[in-house]
PDB file of N, CA and C in Angstrom:
ATOM      1  N   MET A   1       0.836  -1.167   0.000  1.00  0.00           N
ATOM      2  CA  MET A   1       0.000   0.000   0.000  1.00  0.00           C
ATOM      3  C   MET A   1       0.888   1.239   0.000  1.00  0.00           C
ATOM      4  N   THR A   2       0.430   2.246  -0.724  1.00  0.00           N
ATOM      5  CA  THR A   2       1.225   3.448  -0.878  1.00  0.00           C
ATOM      6  C   THR A   2       0.421   4.685  -0.487  1.00  0.00           C
ATOM      7  N   GLY A   3       1.097   5.828  -0.502  1.00  0.00           N
ATOM      8  CA  GLY A   3       0.429   7.085  -0.235  1.00  0.00           C
ATOM      9  C   GLY A   3       0.465   7.463   1.234  1.00  0.00           C
ATOM     10  N   PRO A   4      -0.151   8.618   1.548  1.00  0.00           N
ATOM     11  CA  PRO A   4      -0.083   9.137   2.915  1.00  0.00           C
ATOM     12  C   PRO A   4      -0.806   8.279   3.948  1.00  0.00           C
ATOM     13  N   ALA A   5      -1.688   7.414   3.523  1.00  0.00           N
ATOM     14  CA  ALA A   5      -2.406   6.545   4.471  1.00  0.00           C
ATOM     15  C   ALA A   5      -1.906   5.107   4.399  1.00  0.00           C
ATOM     16  N   SER A   6      -0.697   4.913   3.901  1.00  0.00           N
ATOM     17  CA  SER A   6      -0.174   3.547   3.790  1.00  0.00           C
ATOM     18  C   SER A   6      -0.032   2.885   5.154  1.00  0.00           C
ATOM     19  N   ASN A   7       0.172   3.690   6.195  1.00  0.00           N
ATOM     20  CA  ASN A   7       0.247   3.117   7.537  1.00  0.00           C
ATOM     21  C   ASN A   7      -1.089   2.522   7.970  1.00  0.00           C
ATOM     22  N   LEU A   8      -2.173   2.931   7.328  1.00  0.00           N
ATOM     23  CA  LEU A   8      -3.490   2.342   7.590  1.00  0.00           C
ATOM     24  C   LEU A   8      -3.760   1.189   6.624  1.00  0.00           C
ATOM     25  N   GLY A   9      -3.522   1.434   5.357  1.00  0.00           N
ATOM     26  CA  GLY A   9      -3.877   0.473   4.319  1.00  0.00           C
ATOM     27  C   GLY A   9      -3.123  -0.833   4.377  1.00  0.00           C
ATOM     28  N   ALA A  10      -1.823  -0.784   4.673  1.00  0.00           N
ATOM     29  CA  ALA A  10      -1.034  -2.015   4.694  1.00  0.00           C
ATOM     30  C   ALA A  10      -1.528  -3.000   5.750  1.00  0.00           C
ATOM     31  N   PRO A  11      -1.734  -2.575   7.003  1.00  0.00           N
ATOM     32  CA  PRO A  11      -2.253  -3.532   7.989  1.00  0.00           C
ATOM     33  C   PRO A  11      -3.693  -3.967   7.704  1.00  0.00           C
ATOM     34  N   GLU A  12      -4.495  -3.073   7.125  1.00  0.00           N
ATOM     35  CA  GLU A  12      -5.867  -3.452   6.773  1.00  0.00           C
ATOM     36  C   GLU A  12      -5.848  -4.543   5.709  1.00  0.00           C
ATOM     37  N   ALA A  13      -5.007  -4.372   4.704  1.00  0.00           N
ATOM     38  CA  ALA A  13      -4.903  -5.372   3.638  1.00  0.00           C
ATOM     39  C   ALA A  13      -4.416  -6.706   4.196  1.00  0.00           C
ATOM     40  N   LYS A  14      -3.396  -6.662   5.047  1.00  0.00           N
ATOM     41  CA  LYS A  14      -2.866  -7.894   5.633  1.00  0.00           C
ATOM     42  C   LYS A  14      -3.915  -8.591   6.489  1.00  0.00           C
ATOM     43  N   THR A  15      -4.677  -7.826   7.245  1.00  0.00           N
ATOM     44  CA  THR A  15      -5.737  -8.405   8.076  1.00  0.00           C
ATOM     45  C   THR A  15      -6.786  -9.090   7.216  1.00  0.00           C
ATOM     46  N   LEU A  16      -7.210  -8.423   6.143  1.00  0.00           N
ATOM     47  CA  LEU A  16      -8.208  -9.024   5.249  1.00  0.00           C
ATOM     48  C   LEU A  16      -7.667 -10.279   4.572  1.00  0.00           C
ATOM     49  N   GLU A  17      -6.389 -10.258   4.202  1.00  0.00           N
ATOM     50  CA  GLU A  17      -5.774 -11.454   3.607  1.00  0.00           C
ATOM     51  C   GLU A  17      -5.788 -12.611   4.598  1.00  0.00           C
ATOM     52  N   MET A  18      -5.447 -12.332   5.857  1.00  0.00           N
ATOM     53  CA  MET A  18      -5.442 -13.389   6.870  1.00  0.00           C
ATOM     54  C   MET A  18      -6.847 -13.919   7.131  1.00  0.00           C
ATOM     55  N   LEU A  19      -7.833 -13.015   7.197  1.00  0.00           N
ATOM     56  CA  LEU A  19      -9.213 -13.443   7.428  1.00  0.00           C
ATOM     57  C   LEU A  19      -9.729 -14.305   6.272  1.00  0.00           C
ATOM     58  N   ALA A  20      -9.452 -13.867   5.047  1.00  0.00           N
ATOM     59  CA  ALA A  20      -9.895 -14.644   3.882  1.00  0.00           C
ATOM     60  C   ALA A  20      -9.233 -16.019   3.879  1.00  0.00           C
ATOM     61  N   ALA A  21      -7.946 -16.080   4.175  1.00  0.00           N
ATOM     62  CA  ALA A  21      -7.241 -17.362   4.216  1.00  0.00           C
ATOM     63  C   ALA A  21      -7.828 -18.275   5.287  1.00  0.00           C
ATOM     64  N   ASP A  22      -8.138 -17.713   6.450  1.00  0.00           N
ATOM     65  CA  ASP A  22      -8.712 -18.494   7.535  1.00  0.00           C
ATOM     66  C   ASP A  22     -10.097 -19.028   7.158  1.00  0.00           C
ATOM     67  N   ILE A  23     -10.929 -18.167   6.600  1.00  0.00           N
ATOM     68  CA  ILE A  23     -12.276 -18.599   6.187  1.00  0.00           C
ATOM     69  C   ILE A  23     -12.184 -19.665   5.100  1.00  0.00           C
ATOM     70  N   ASN A  24     -11.307 -19.453   4.132  1.00  0.00           N
ATOM     71  CA  ASN A  24     -11.158 -20.427   3.045  1.00  0.00           C
ATOM     72  C   ASN A  24     -10.612 -21.753   3.549  1.00  0.00           C
ATOM     73  N   ALA A  25      -9.702 -21.707   4.527  1.00  0.00           N
ATOM     74  CA  ALA A  25      -9.154 -22.935   5.102  1.00  0.00           C
ATOM     75  C   ALA A  25     -10.230 -23.742   5.820  1.00  0.00           C
ATOM     76  N   LYS A  26     -11.280 -23.066   6.268  1.00  0.00           N
ATOM     77  CA  LYS A  26     -12.385 -23.732   6.959  1.00  0.00           C
ATOM     78  C   LYS A  26     -13.526 -24.072   6.014  1.00  0.00           C
ATOM     79  N   GLY A  27     -13.280 -24.004   4.723  1.00  0.00           N
ATOM     80  CA  GLY A  27     -14.300 -24.396   3.752  1.00  0.00           C
ATOM     81  C   GLY A  27     -15.008 -23.250   3.079  1.00  0.00           C
ATOM     82  N   GLY A  28     -14.645 -22.027   3.410  1.00  0.00           N
ATOM     83  CA  GLY A  28     -15.265 -20.877   2.752  1.00  0.00           C
ATOM     84  C   GLY A  28     -16.615 -20.533   3.346  1.00  0.00           C
ATOM     85  N   ILE A  29     -17.412 -19.847   2.563  1.00  0.00           N
ATOM     86  CA  ILE A  29     -18.763 -19.465   2.974  1.00  0.00           C
ATOM     87  C   ILE A  29     -19.741 -20.266   2.125  1.00  0.00           C
ATOM     88  N   ASN A  30     -20.546 -21.079   2.783  1.00  0.00           N
ATOM     89  CA  ASN A  30     -21.472 -21.982   2.084  1.00  0.00           C
ATOM     90  C   ASN A  30     -20.749 -22.805   1.019  1.00  0.00           C
ATOM     91  N   GLY A  31     -19.516 -23.202   1.343  1.00  0.00           N
ATOM     92  CA  GLY A  31     -18.733 -24.034   0.445  1.00  0.00           C
ATOM     93  C   GLY A  31     -17.955 -23.269  -0.614  1.00  0.00           C
ATOM     94  N   GLY A  32     -18.164 -21.963  -0.712  1.00  0.00           N
ATOM     95  CA  GLY A  32     -17.458 -21.153  -1.709  1.00  0.00           C
ATOM     96  C   GLY A  32     -16.286 -20.402  -1.105  1.00  0.00           C
ATOM     97  N   LYS A  33     -15.171 -20.414  -1.803  1.00  0.00           N
ATOM     98  CA  LYS A  33     -13.979 -19.712  -1.343  1.00  0.00           C
ATOM     99  C   LYS A  33     -14.117 -18.213  -1.576  1.00  0.00           C
ATOM    100  N   ILE A  34     -13.522 -17.438  -0.695  1.00  0.00           N
ATOM    101  CA  ILE A  34     -13.487 -15.985  -0.832  1.00  0.00           C
ATOM    102  C   ILE A  34     -12.343 -15.618  -1.754  1.00  0.00           C
ATOM    103  N   GLU A  35     -12.628 -14.776  -2.737  1.00  0.00           N
ATOM    104  CA  GLU A  35     -11.579 -14.213  -3.584  1.00  0.00           C
ATOM    105  C   GLU A  35     -11.440 -12.749  -3.189  1.00  0.00           C
ATOM    106  N   LEU A  36     -10.306 -12.407  -2.633  1.00  0.00           N
ATOM    107  CA  LEU A  36     -10.058 -11.064  -2.141  1.00  0.00           C
ATOM    108  C   LEU A  36      -9.319 -10.270  -3.212  1.00  0.00           C
ATOM    109  N   LEU A  37      -9.883  -9.143  -3.609  1.00  0.00           N
ATOM    110  CA  LEU A  37      -9.248  -8.251  -4.574  1.00  0.00           C
ATOM    111  C   LEU A  37      -8.849  -6.979  -3.836  1.00  0.00           C
ATOM    112  N   ILE A  38      -7.573  -6.695  -3.800  1.00  0.00           N
ATOM    113  CA  ILE A  38      -7.086  -5.508  -3.098  1.00  0.00           C
ATOM    114  C   ILE A  38      -6.561  -4.515  -4.122  1.00  0.00           C
ATOM    115  N   LYS A  39      -7.031  -3.274  -3.998  1.00  0.00           N
ATOM    116  CA  LYS A  39      -6.615  -2.193  -4.895  1.00  0.00           C
ATOM    117  C   LYS A  39      -5.910  -1.123  -4.067  1.00  0.00           C
ATOM    118  N   ASP A  40      -4.859  -0.553  -4.602  1.00  0.00           N
ATOM    119  CA  ASP A  40      -4.094   0.484  -3.915  1.00  0.00           C
ATOM    120  C   ASP A  40      -4.368   1.833  -4.565  1.00  0.00           C
ATOM    121  N   SER A  41      -5.176   2.640  -3.910  1.00  0.00           N
ATOM    122  CA  SER A  41      -5.528   3.956  -4.437  1.00  0.00           C
ATOM    123  C   SER A  41      -4.486   5.011  -4.095  1.00  0.00           C
ATOM    124  N   GLY A  42      -3.528   4.669  -3.263  1.00  0.00           N
ATOM    125  CA  GLY A  42      -2.532   5.643  -2.854  1.00  0.00           C
ATOM    126  C   GLY A  42      -3.117   6.776  -2.038  1.00  0.00           C
ATOM    127  N   GLY A  43      -4.323   6.600  -1.553  1.00  0.00           N
ATOM    128  CA  GLY A  43      -4.982   7.629  -0.751  1.00  0.00           C
ATOM    129  C   GLY A  43      -5.669   8.705  -1.570  1.00  0.00           C
ATOM    130  N   THR A  44      -5.786   8.504  -2.880  1.00  0.00           N
ATOM    131  CA  THR A  44      -6.397   9.534  -3.721  1.00  0.00           C
ATOM    132  C   THR A  44      -7.844   9.190  -4.055  1.00  0.00           C
ATOM    133  N   PRO A  45      -8.754  10.132  -3.817  1.00  0.00           N
ATOM    134  CA  PRO A  45     -10.167   9.897  -4.097  1.00  0.00           C
ATOM    135  C   PRO A  45     -10.437   9.517  -5.560  1.00  0.00           C
ATOM    136  N   GLU A  46      -9.718  10.114  -6.491  1.00  0.00           N
ATOM    137  CA  GLU A  46      -9.945   9.813  -7.915  1.00  0.00           C
ATOM    138  C   GLU A  46      -9.649   8.350  -8.231  1.00  0.00           C
ATOM    139  N   LYS A  47      -8.557   7.837  -7.693  1.00  0.00           N
ATOM    140  CA  LYS A  47      -8.232   6.422  -7.903  1.00  0.00           C
ATOM    141  C   LYS A  47      -9.250   5.534  -7.192  1.00  0.00           C
ATOM    142  N   ALA A  48      -9.693   5.946  -6.014  1.00  0.00           N
ATOM    143  CA  ALA A  48     -10.690   5.168  -5.279  1.00  0.00           C
ATOM    144  C   ALA A  48     -11.971   5.048  -6.085  1.00  0.00           C
ATOM    145  N   VAL A  49     -12.397   6.131  -6.729  1.00  0.00           N
ATOM    146  CA  VAL A  49     -13.597   6.106  -7.574  1.00  0.00           C
ATOM    147  C   VAL A  49     -13.393   5.153  -8.748  1.00  0.00           C
ATOM    148  N   SER A  50     -12.246   5.263  -9.399  1.00  0.00           N
ATOM    149  CA  SER A  50     -11.952   4.393 -10.539  1.00  0.00           C
ATOM    150  C   SER A  50     -11.967   2.920 -10.121  1.00  0.00           C
ATOM    151  N   PHE A  51     -11.336   2.611  -8.994  1.00  0.00           N
ATOM    152  CA  PHE A  51     -11.300   1.228  -8.520  1.00  0.00           C
ATOM    153  C   PHE A  51     -12.680   0.741  -8.100  1.00  0.00           C
ATOM    154  N   ALA A  52     -13.466   1.590  -7.448  1.00  0.00           N
ATOM    155  CA  ALA A  52     -14.817   1.189  -7.036  1.00  0.00           C
ATOM    156  C   ALA A  52     -15.661   0.836  -8.259  1.00  0.00           C
ATOM    157  N   LYS A  53     -15.588   1.666  -9.290  1.00  0.00           N
ATOM    158  CA  LYS A  53     -16.329   1.377 -10.529  1.00  0.00           C
ATOM    159  C   LYS A  53     -15.845   0.075 -11.151  1.00  0.00           C
ATOM    160  N   GLN A  54     -14.545  -0.108 -11.196  1.00  0.00           N
ATOM    161  CA  GLN A  54     -13.983  -1.334 -11.764  1.00  0.00           C
ATOM    162  C   GLN A  54     -14.449  -2.565 -10.988  1.00  0.00           C
ATOM    163  N   LEU A  55     -14.390  -2.489  -9.667  1.00  0.00           N
ATOM    164  CA  LEU A  55     -14.788  -3.626  -8.841  1.00  0.00           C
ATOM    165  C   LEU A  55     -16.263  -3.969  -9.016  1.00  0.00           C
ATOM    166  N   ILE A  56     -17.103  -2.952  -9.110  1.00  0.00           N
ATOM    167  CA  ILE A  56     -18.544  -3.187  -9.238  1.00  0.00           C
ATOM    168  C   ILE A  56     -18.918  -3.589 -10.661  1.00  0.00           C
ATOM    169  N   GLU A  57     -18.458  -2.825 -11.636  1.00  0.00           N
ATOM    170  CA  GLU A  57     -18.908  -3.025 -13.017  1.00  0.00           C
ATOM    171  C   GLU A  57     -18.187  -4.156 -13.746  1.00  0.00           C
ATOM    172  N   GLU A  58     -16.890  -4.299 -13.525  1.00  0.00           N
ATOM    173  CA  GLU A  58     -16.126  -5.312 -14.251  1.00  0.00           C
ATOM    174  C   GLU A  58     -15.910  -6.585 -13.450  1.00  0.00           C
ATOM    175  N   GLU A  59     -15.509  -6.429 -12.199  1.00  0.00           N
ATOM    176  CA  GLU A  59     -15.204  -7.597 -11.368  1.00  0.00           C
ATOM    177  C   GLU A  59     -16.460  -8.217 -10.763  1.00  0.00           C
ATOM    178  N   LYS A  60     -17.556  -7.447 -10.718  1.00  0.00           N
ATOM    179  CA  LYS A  60     -18.833  -7.925 -10.166  1.00  0.00           C
ATOM    180  C   LYS A  60     -18.685  -8.434  -8.731  1.00  0.00           C
ATOM    181  N   VAL A  61     -17.996  -7.630  -7.897  1.00  0.00           N
ATOM    182  CA  VAL A  61     -17.761  -8.038  -6.513  1.00  0.00           C
ATOM    183  C   VAL A  61     -19.051  -8.069  -5.715  1.00  0.00           C
ATOM    184  N   PHE A  62     -19.029  -8.850  -4.658  1.00  0.00           N
ATOM    185  CA  PHE A  62     -20.165  -8.938  -3.756  1.00  0.00           C
ATOM    186  C   PHE A  62     -20.216  -7.730  -2.827  1.00  0.00           C
ATOM    187  N   ALA A  63     -19.048  -7.277  -2.360  1.00  0.00           N
ATOM    188  CA  ALA A  63     -18.985  -6.199  -1.373  1.00  0.00           C
ATOM    189  C   ALA A  63     -17.700  -5.412  -1.537  1.00  0.00           C
ATOM    190  N   ILE A  64     -17.716  -4.193  -1.002  1.00  0.00           N
ATOM    191  CA  ILE A  64     -16.514  -3.361  -0.951  1.00  0.00           C
ATOM    192  C   ILE A  64     -16.200  -3.096   0.514  1.00  0.00           C
ATOM    193  N   ILE A  65     -14.949  -3.363   0.883  1.00  0.00           N
ATOM    194  CA  ILE A  65     -14.475  -3.078   2.233  1.00  0.00           C
ATOM    195  C   ILE A  65     -13.390  -2.017   2.087  1.00  0.00           C
ATOM    196  N   GLY A  66     -13.602  -0.882   2.691  1.00  0.00           N
ATOM    197  CA  GLY A  66     -12.631   0.206   2.574  1.00  0.00           C
ATOM    198  C   GLY A  66     -13.296   1.366   1.885  1.00  0.00           C
ATOM    199  N   PRO A  67     -12.625   2.360   1.541  1.00  0.00           N
ATOM    200  CA  PRO A  67     -11.189   2.613   1.635  1.00  0.00           C
ATOM    201  C   PRO A  67     -10.754   3.091   3.019  1.00  0.00           C
ATOM    202  N   SER A  68      -9.487   3.490   3.102  1.00  0.00           N
ATOM    203  CA  SER A  68      -8.898   3.811   4.394  1.00  0.00           C
ATOM    204  C   SER A  68      -9.075   5.247   4.845  1.00  0.00           C
ATOM    205  N   THR A  69      -9.390   6.163   3.940  1.00  0.00           N
ATOM    206  CA  THR A  69      -9.469   7.570   4.330  1.00  0.00           C
ATOM    207  C   THR A  69     -10.866   8.143   4.101  1.00  0.00           C
ATOM    208  N   SER A  70     -11.159   9.210   4.819  1.00  0.00           N
ATOM    209  CA  SER A  70     -12.463   9.861   4.694  1.00  0.00           C
ATOM    210  C   SER A  70     -12.685  10.427   3.297  1.00  0.00           C
ATOM    211  N   GLY A  71     -11.654  11.033   2.719  1.00  0.00           N
ATOM    212  CA  GLY A  71     -11.789  11.605   1.379  1.00  0.00           C
ATOM    213  C   GLY A  71     -12.168  10.566   0.349  1.00  0.00           C
ATOM    214  N   GLU A  72     -11.543   9.405   0.421  1.00  0.00           N
ATOM    215  CA  GLU A  72     -11.859   8.315  -0.504  1.00  0.00           C
ATOM    216  C   GLU A  72     -13.267   7.777  -0.243  1.00  0.00           C
ATOM    217  N   THR A  73     -13.621   7.629   1.029  1.00  0.00           N
ATOM    218  CA  THR A  73     -14.944   7.125   1.382  1.00  0.00           C
ATOM    219  C   THR A  73     -16.032   8.044   0.851  1.00  0.00           C
ATOM    220  N   MET A  74     -15.866   9.342   1.038  1.00  0.00           N
ATOM    221  CA  MET A  74     -16.856  10.302   0.542  1.00  0.00           C
ATOM    222  C   MET A  74     -16.938  10.260  -0.983  1.00  0.00           C
ATOM    223  N   ALA A  75     -15.801  10.032  -1.639  1.00  0.00           N
ATOM    224  CA  ALA A  75     -15.779  10.008  -3.099  1.00  0.00           C
ATOM    225  C   ALA A  75     -16.513   8.796  -3.670  1.00  0.00           C
ATOM    226  N   ILE A  76     -16.461   7.656  -2.985  1.00  0.00           N
ATOM    227  CA  ILE A  76     -17.088   6.453  -3.550  1.00  0.00           C
ATOM    228  C   ILE A  76     -18.454   6.134  -2.968  1.00  0.00           C
ATOM    229  N   LYS A  77     -18.923   6.935  -2.015  1.00  0.00           N
ATOM    230  CA  LYS A  77     -20.163   6.579  -1.317  1.00  0.00           C
ATOM    231  C   LYS A  77     -21.341   6.385  -2.256  1.00  0.00           C
ATOM    232  N   ASN A  78     -21.512   7.241  -3.245  1.00  0.00           N
ATOM    233  CA  ASN A  78     -22.657   7.111  -4.150  1.00  0.00           C
ATOM    234  C   ASN A  78     -22.503   5.933  -5.105  1.00  0.00           C
ATOM    235  N   ILE A  79     -21.274   5.632  -5.484  1.00  0.00           N
ATOM    236  CA  ILE A  79     -21.030   4.467  -6.340  1.00  0.00           C
ATOM    237  C   ILE A  79     -21.329   3.194  -5.554  1.00  0.00           C
ATOM    238  N   ALA A  80     -20.834   3.137  -4.329  1.00  0.00           N
ATOM    239  CA  ALA A  80     -21.012   1.942  -3.505  1.00  0.00           C
ATOM    240  C   ALA A  80     -22.465   1.728  -3.110  1.00  0.00           C
ATOM    241  N   ARG A  81     -23.251   2.781  -3.079  1.00  0.00           N
ATOM    242  CA  ARG A  81     -24.661   2.654  -2.697  1.00  0.00           C
ATOM    243  C   ARG A  81     -25.496   1.964  -3.769  1.00  0.00           C
ATOM    244  N   ARG A  82     -24.924   1.676  -4.908  1.00  0.00           N
ATOM    245  CA  ARG A  82     -25.658   1.051  -6.013  1.00  0.00           C
ATOM    246  C   ARG A  82     -25.869  -0.444  -5.779  1.00  0.00           C
ATOM    247  N   GLY A  83     -26.238  -0.800  -4.575  1.00  0.00           N
ATOM    248  CA  GLY A  83     -26.611  -2.181  -4.325  1.00  0.00           C
ATOM    249  C   GLY A  83     -25.513  -3.072  -3.802  1.00  0.00           C
ATOM    250  N   LYS A  84     -24.346  -2.528  -3.477  1.00  0.00           N
ATOM    251  CA  LYS A  84     -23.266  -3.351  -2.943  1.00  0.00           C
ATOM    252  C   LYS A  84     -23.115  -3.083  -1.460  1.00  0.00           C
ATOM    253  N   PRO A  85     -22.947  -4.142  -0.672  1.00  0.00           N
ATOM    254  CA  PRO A  85     -22.605  -3.903   0.726  1.00  0.00           C
ATOM    255  C   PRO A  85     -21.301  -3.115   0.780  1.00  0.00           C
ATOM    256  N   PHE A  86     -21.249  -2.123   1.632  1.00  0.00           N
ATOM    257  CA  PHE A  86     -20.099  -1.226   1.711  1.00  0.00           C
ATOM    258  C   PHE A  86     -19.744  -1.028   3.161  1.00  0.00           C
ATOM    259  N   SER A  87     -18.556  -1.418   3.541  1.00  0.00           N
ATOM    260  CA  SER A  87     -18.093  -1.239   4.907  1.00  0.00           C
ATOM    261  C   SER A  87     -16.824  -0.415   4.868  1.00  0.00           C
ATOM    262  N   PHE A  88     -16.827   0.734   5.533  1.00  0.00           N
ATOM    263  CA  PHE A  88     -15.616   1.533   5.548  1.00  0.00           C
ATOM    264  C   PHE A  88     -14.826   1.233   6.806  1.00  0.00           C
ATOM    265  N   LEU A  89     -13.511   1.319   6.672  1.00  0.00           N
ATOM    266  CA  LEU A  89     -12.634   0.907   7.752  1.00  0.00           C
ATOM    267  C   LEU A  89     -12.349   2.025   8.742  1.00  0.00           C
ATOM    268  N   ARG A  90     -12.240   3.235   8.242  1.00  0.00           N
ATOM    269  CA  ARG A  90     -12.007   4.405   9.090  1.00  0.00           C
ATOM    270  C   ARG A  90     -12.712   5.575   8.448  1.00  0.00           C
ATOM    271  N   SER A  91     -13.066   6.532   9.266  1.00  0.00           N
ATOM    272  CA  SER A  91     -13.679   7.716   8.679  1.00  0.00           C
ATOM    273  C   SER A  91     -13.782   8.826   9.692  1.00  0.00           C
ATOM    274  N   GLY A  92     -13.963  10.012   9.171  1.00  0.00           N
ATOM    275  CA  GLY A  92     -14.144  11.173  10.018  1.00  0.00           C
ATOM    276  C   GLY A  92     -15.588  11.304  10.462  1.00  0.00           C
ATOM    277  N   GLU A  93     -15.812  12.206  11.357  1.00  0.00           N
ATOM    278  CA  GLU A  93     -17.137  12.429  11.931  1.00  0.00           C
ATOM    279  C   GLU A  93     -18.185  12.747  10.875  1.00  0.00           C
ATOM    280  N   VAL A  94     -17.787  13.461   9.820  1.00  0.00           N
ATOM    281  CA  VAL A  94     -18.745  13.830   8.775  1.00  0.00           C
ATOM    282  C   VAL A  94     -19.378  12.588   8.140  1.00  0.00           C
ATOM    283  N   ILE A  95     -18.629  11.530   8.009  1.00  0.00           N
ATOM    284  CA  ILE A  95     -19.158  10.303   7.405  1.00  0.00           C
ATOM    285  C   ILE A  95     -20.010   9.541   8.403  1.00  0.00           C
ATOM    286  N   VAL A  96     -19.469   9.353   9.583  1.00  0.00           N
ATOM    287  CA  VAL A  96     -20.176   8.562  10.594  1.00  0.00           C
ATOM    288  C   VAL A  96     -21.533   9.164  10.917  1.00  0.00           C
ATOM    289  N   ASN A  97     -21.575  10.454  11.156  1.00  0.00           N
ATOM    290  CA  ASN A  97     -22.835  11.082  11.543  1.00  0.00           C
ATOM    291  C   ASN A  97     -23.791  11.256  10.373  1.00  0.00           C
ATOM    292  N   ARG A  98     -23.306  11.688   9.245  1.00  0.00           N
ATOM    293  CA  ARG A  98     -24.185  11.958   8.109  1.00  0.00           C
ATOM    294  C   ARG A  98     -24.727  10.686   7.470  1.00  0.00           C
ATOM    295  N   TRP A  99     -23.926   9.662   7.397  1.00  0.00           N
ATOM    296  CA  TRP A  99     -24.315   8.452   6.664  1.00  0.00           C
ATOM    297  C   TRP A  99     -24.585   7.277   7.587  1.00  0.00           C
ATOM    298  N   ARG A 100     -24.826   7.532   8.847  1.00  0.00           N
ATOM    299  CA  ARG A 100     -25.025   6.475   9.845  1.00  0.00           C
ATOM    300  C   ARG A 100     -26.073   5.442   9.425  1.00  0.00           C
ATOM    301  N   ASN A 101     -27.167   5.865   8.810  1.00  0.00           N
ATOM    302  CA  ASN A 101     -28.243   4.944   8.449  1.00  0.00           C
ATOM    303  C   ASN A 101     -27.982   4.172   7.166  1.00  0.00           C
ATOM    304  N   ILE A 102     -26.969   4.561   6.430  1.00  0.00           N
ATOM    305  CA  ILE A 102     -26.675   3.901   5.158  1.00  0.00           C
ATOM    306  C   ILE A 102     -25.549   2.893   5.308  1.00  0.00           C
ATOM    307  N   TYR A 103     -24.514   3.306   6.000  1.00  0.00           N
ATOM    308  CA  TYR A 103     -23.328   2.463   6.127  1.00  0.00           C
ATOM    309  C   TYR A 103     -23.165   2.022   7.567  1.00  0.00           C
ATOM    310  N   SER A 104     -22.566   0.877   7.728  1.00  0.00           N
ATOM    311  CA  SER A 104     -22.320   0.358   9.063  1.00  0.00           C
ATOM    312  C   SER A 104     -20.820   0.295   9.302  1.00  0.00           C
ATOM    313  N   ARG A 105     -20.387   0.837  10.419  1.00  0.00           N
ATOM    314  CA  ARG A 105     -18.965   0.761  10.756  1.00  0.00           C
ATOM    315  C   ARG A 105     -18.619  -0.609  11.315  1.00  0.00           C
ATOM    316  N   TRP A 106     -19.582  -1.322  11.832  1.00  0.00           N
ATOM    317  CA  TRP A 106     -19.346  -2.643  12.402  1.00  0.00           C
ATOM    318  C   TRP A 106     -20.345  -3.609  11.787  1.00  0.00           C
ATOM    319  N   PRO A 107     -19.931  -4.840  11.567  1.00  0.00           N
ATOM    320  CA  PRO A 107     -20.894  -5.822  11.056  1.00  0.00           C
ATOM    321  C   PRO A 107     -22.088  -5.936  11.984  1.00  0.00           C
ATOM    322  N   ARG A 108     -23.270  -5.946  11.408  1.00  0.00           N
ATOM    323  CA  ARG A 108     -24.485  -6.055  12.218  1.00  0.00           C
ATOM    324  C   ARG A 108     -24.463  -7.347  13.029  1.00  0.00           C
ATOM    325  N   GLY A 109     -24.914  -7.238  14.258  1.00  0.00           N
ATOM    326  CA  GLY A 109     -24.977  -8.415  15.112  1.00  0.00           C
ATOM    327  C   GLY A 109     -23.693  -8.700  15.873  1.00  0.00           C
ATOM    328  N   THR A 110     -22.666  -7.849  15.710  1.00  0.00           N
ATOM    329  CA  THR A 110     -21.443  -8.066  16.463  1.00  0.00           C
ATOM    330  C   THR A 110     -21.312  -6.985  17.518  1.00  0.00           C
ATOM    331  N   ALA A 111     -20.591  -7.304  18.563  1.00  0.00           N
ATOM    332  CA  ALA A 111     -20.381  -6.343  19.647  1.00  0.00           C
ATOM    333  C   ALA A 111     -19.312  -5.342  19.251  1.00  0.00           C
ATOM    334  N   MET A 112     -19.454  -4.123  19.717  1.00  0.00           N
ATOM    335  CA  MET A 112     -18.423  -3.123  19.519  1.00  0.00           C
ATOM    336  C   MET A 112     -17.200  -3.543  20.325  1.00  0.00           C
ATOM    337  N   PRO A 113     -15.993  -3.079  19.956  1.00  0.00           N
ATOM    338  CA  PRO A 113     -14.791  -3.515  20.690  1.00  0.00           C
ATOM    339  C   PRO A 113     -14.883  -3.283  22.191  1.00  0.00           C
ATOM    340  N   TRP A 114     -15.448  -2.146  22.601  1.00  0.00           N
ATOM    341  CA  TRP A 114     -15.537  -1.889  24.036  1.00  0.00           C
ATOM    342  C   TRP A 114     -16.551  -2.810  24.706  1.00  0.00           C
ATOM    343  N   GLN A 115     -17.545  -3.291  23.961  1.00  0.00           N
ATOM    344  CA  GLN A 115     -18.499  -4.237  24.522  1.00  0.00           C
ATOM    345  C   GLN A 115     -17.840  -5.597  24.716  1.00  0.00           C
ATOM    346  N   ARG A 116     -17.025  -5.985  23.759  1.00  0.00           N
ATOM    347  CA  ARG A 116     -16.345  -7.271  23.863  1.00  0.00           C
ATOM    348  C   ARG A 116     -15.380  -7.269  25.047  1.00  0.00           C
ATOM    349  N   SER A 117     -14.604  -6.187  25.184  1.00  0.00           N
ATOM    350  CA  SER A 117     -13.603  -6.169  26.228  1.00  0.00           C
ATOM    351  C   SER A 117     -14.228  -6.090  27.627  1.00  0.00           C
ATOM    352  N   SER A 118     -15.374  -5.457  27.741  1.00  0.00           N
ATOM    353  CA  SER A 118     -15.998  -5.343  29.062  1.00  0.00           C
ATOM    354  C   SER A 118     -16.710  -6.619  29.468  1.00  0.00           C
ATOM    355  N   ASN A 119     -16.953  -7.515  28.526  1.00  0.00           N
ATOM    356  CA  ASN A 119     -17.652  -8.770  28.830  1.00  0.00           C
ATOM    357  C   ASN A 119     -16.691  -9.905  29.134  1.00  0.00           C
ATOM    358  N   ARG A 120     -15.405  -9.637  29.122  1.00  0.00           N
ATOM    359  CA  ARG A 120     -14.419 -10.714  29.358  1.00  0.00           C
ATOM    360  C   ARG A 120     -14.277 -11.022  30.814  1.00  0.00           C
TER     361      ARG A 120
END
């Protein structure tokens, strides 16, 4: 991962790679393996838009996870709303508060990190 947010993107990509490998090692989802496609926008909203369109229109992905910055998230929000599940990894207050009913920062049905840690 490159660009000013590479310190965010590199660990996010590695985490997703590990999760996909773990799920696939356990038989996948309903018997199907996860194919993870990672794109490096370099932190630029224009590249994020181009990649989002490519992933949706050409790759026919099931979902988009990311991008890492608020600028990229705001740039692709309308593209991602075209029927694809969209989970952003980080974002500023403008995204969380304004788009709270559209996007979920946490998978539905899971505890927030502070809920998990307090229940241990």
